Amino acid sequence: MMKEKYREQYRKFGLNVVYYRKSLRATQLQLAEMLDIERSHISAIELGNVGVSMDLIFKMCEVFKIKPKELFDFRD
């Protein structure tokens, strides 16, 4: 369960996932297939409604060809 005090960080993380997904020109469904998760899970991540495991973060970084810190580089 997500702590309310971190909601904004979850939202910004989700926006970064959207950014990198779009830079791949991938749909939510295509990204979900690459990550072996449900499309609804991608949607929830992008909306900042759920947390993400370290395993999934590392897998995202492989797919996006970025370093983990880039997913956490929150712009204002």
Protein backbone atom coordinates (compact mmCIF):
# COMPACT_ATOMS: atom_id res chain seq x y z
CA MET A 1 0.00 0.00 0.00
CA MET A 2 1.30 3.39 -1.00
CA LYS A 3 1.84 6.00 1.68
CA GLU A 4 -0.09 9.18 0.96
CA LYS A 5 2.97 11.31 1.74
CA TYR A 6 4.78 9.79 -1.27
CA ARG A 7 1.89 10.17 -3.72
CA GLU A 8 3.63 12.98 -5.62
CA GLN A 9 6.80 10.89 -6.10
CA TYR A 10 4.73 7.97 -7.41
CA ARG A 11 3.01 10.37 -9.82
CA LYS A 12 6.35 11.72 -11.08
CA PHE A 13 7.74 8.20 -11.45
CA GLY A 14 4.66 7.32 -13.50
CA LEU A 15 5.17 10.34 -15.73
CA ASN A 16 8.75 9.20 -16.37
CA VAL A 17 7.48 5.74 -17.36
CA VAL A 18 5.07 7.44 -19.80
CA TYR A 19 7.94 9.54 -21.20
CA TYR A 20 10.25 6.56 -21.79
CA ARG A 21 7.41 4.41 -23.15
CA LYS A 22 6.51 7.12 -25.67
CA SER A 23 10.18 7.56 -26.60
CA LEU A 24 10.03 3.87 -27.61
CA ARG A 25 6.81 4.57 -29.54
CA ALA A 26 5.22 1.75 -27.61
CA THR A 27 1.62 1.44 -26.47
CA GLN A 28 0.81 0.43 -22.91
CA LEU A 29 -0.02 -3.03 -24.23
CA GLN A 30 3.28 -3.34 -26.10
CA LEU A 31 5.26 -2.24 -23.03
CA ALA A 32 3.29 -4.61 -20.82
CA GLU A 33 4.18 -7.48 -23.16
CA MET A 34 7.87 -6.50 -23.09
CA LEU A 35 7.79 -6.43 -19.28
CA ASP A 36 5.61 -9.56 -18.95
CA ILE A 37 2.94 -7.77 -16.92
CA GLU A 38 -0.70 -6.79 -17.53
CA ARG A 39 -1.57 -3.61 -19.43
CA SER A 40 -3.69 -2.53 -16.46
CA HIS A 41 -0.55 -2.68 -14.28
CA ILE A 42 1.27 -0.33 -16.70
CA SER A 43 -1.70 2.02 -16.53
CA ALA A 44 -1.67 1.98 -12.72
CA ILE A 45 2.11 2.63 -12.66
CA GLU A 46 1.78 5.52 -15.11
CA LEU A 47 -1.02 7.05 -13.04
CA GLY A 48 1.08 6.74 -9.87
CA ASN A 49 -1.44 4.42 -8.24
CA VAL A 50 0.88 1.48 -7.44
CA GLY A 51 4.43 0.85 -6.35
CA VAL A 52 6.95 -1.03 -8.47
CA SER A 53 9.31 -3.84 -7.47
CA MET A 54 13.05 -3.47 -7.94
CA ASP A 55 12.89 -6.39 -10.40
CA LEU A 56 10.41 -4.47 -12.55
CA ILE A 57 12.48 -1.29 -12.33
CA PHE A 58 15.55 -3.17 -13.57
CA LYS A 59 13.52 -4.79 -16.36
CA MET A 60 12.13 -1.38 -17.40
CA CYS A 61 15.67 -0.03 -17.56
CA GLU A 62 16.70 -2.86 -19.88
CA VAL A 63 13.72 -2.20 -22.16
CA PHE A 64 14.19 1.60 -22.11
CA LYS A 65 18.01 1.27 -22.30
CA ILE A 66 18.50 3.67 -19.39
CA LYS A 67 20.02 3.64 -15.90
CA PRO A 68 17.67 3.23 -12.91
CA LYS A 69 18.43 6.77 -11.71
CA GLU A 70 16.87 8.12 -14.89
CA LEU A 71 13.47 6.73 -13.88
CA PHE A 72 13.83 8.70 -10.63
CA ASP A 73 15.02 11.96 -12.19
CA PHE A 74 11.88 13.94 -11.33
CA ARG A 75 11.36 17.18 -13.22
CA ASP A 76 9.29 19.94 -11.67
